[in-house]
Amino acid sequence: MSTTTETIPSAAMSVAGVQPRDWTCPFCSLLCDGLALAPGPVLQLRGGDCARARAGLAAFDHPAAAASCVDGVPRGLDAALDAAAARLAAARLPLFGGLATDVQGMRALYRLANVRGAILDHAHGEAMMPALRMLQDRGQMFTTLAEIRNRADLIVCVGTDARSSHPEFFRRCAPAAGREAGGRVVFLGAGGGMPGAAEIPWASAVDALCAEGDIFDTVATLAALVDGRRLAAVPAALAELADAMRAARYCVLVWEPARLAQHGALVGEALLRVLMNLNRKTRAGAFTLGGNDGAQTANAAMSWLSGLPLRSRVGPQGVDHDPLQYATARLLDERAVDLLLWVASFTPDLPPPPAALPRIVLGHPALAAGCAQPGTVFIPVATPGINADGHLLRADSVVSLPLHGVRDDGLATVAEVAQALVARLASGAAAKEGAR
């Protein structure tokens, strides 16, 4: 083993321990702020009652021992870094998956990918692709949370209840201070579990419309109605909705690609046609729900640094983007890669996929037990907003919010681990380790 010793600084806080302070939640892409955490060994949420935030915090009630592990054997951090660097050096085509990290973590992983010619894909890559393909093929007409609060008088949720993955969405849509309360919310083809009027108290009306068969057919029919075309045997409720959308001062279409089938990109394009027609005479925009576990951040950082989105390979001939070929599930099923580096720093609910190949896992400490097996190097990492500072991009892609750690668990950040691996690969320490 290499005798080179490198100490990675822990994500130190300005004040030791948990302090009562303002807090921005990192557990979904809405990045709700205006919250607070009460002091004590158990992190208690104040200022909100989000089920997702409470579940995320519960994973830190009993901090796991910050022990790295190599092939099922507990090892020190330096030894784990040496082993990880050796396996990266030996890999011919690694896959960097998961990518649940913040801006700095993703920037450092991209630099590491450049060193090893890796493919990069997020754990939620399959859900992200419909919106990405729509953007690439047709463009976009998105709105923001601020625009919804300040202007929207009609919100149409297409194929989603909008709260299962983002529990605070409707609270974040409440009319801004000084604006008259009101506005109608319509759920189109959302299925069961939709919030009622009592759960959206600021809305003047909350209605539910069933999809007429396939959701794409329903949206296509709605697009034709908004365009003013005459159709035979159109459901009265759908025709009324089209009229209401044309009459609205600011209509917002909310969709969630993860809840759509394989033709999600086609649904997105149909919604874009609706928006284009509406914007000829009034104002309208789309809000895409997604991007949890740092997906929005990872894709944005990849685009900033390389000019191309995720599901790209950083290879000897430059960056190559292929949203189908470079999907994580496909690459693993076809054994097209020979190493998986998996990053999951926010929750223990994103374990690495089982794979018969070497794995390096930079994860939440609670993932340690499941990663203590031959062929796997596990390094526990800090979580932005809990035991590290960081930045995440919000769901509407218009603002990057700072996250401040509330305690120091002695864990390195993803960025620090990736930087240490780059340094080892550059120094040749990995080659020495691999020769032993």
Foldseek 3Di string as FASTA:
>chain_A
DDPDDDDFFFQDAPDAAFDWDWFFAQFFQQRDTPWTWHGDLQTDIGDDDAPSSNVLSVQRSPADAQFWAAQLHTDHPVVLLLQVLLVLVPWQEEEEEQPLAFQLLLLLVVVLLLVRFYAYAHPCLLLPVLVVVLCVPPRFFADDLLCLQAFAQEEEEQQALVCPRPVCSLVSNFHDPPDQFEHEYEYEQNDPDHDACVVNVSYPYYYYHHAPPASLVRLLVLLCLLLVDDDPPDDPVSNVVSVVLLVTQEYEYEYESVSDPPCSNSSVNSVVSSQVSSVVRHHYHYAYGDCGSQNVRSQVSCCVVQVHGHCWTQHPVGIGHDSPCSDPVNCQVVVVTAEYEYERARHLPRADDDGPHAYEYAYASVCVVVQSRGRYIYGYAHHDQAAHWHWGAHRSRPDIDIHHHRHHPRGHHSSSSSVSSVVCNVVCSSVVVNVD
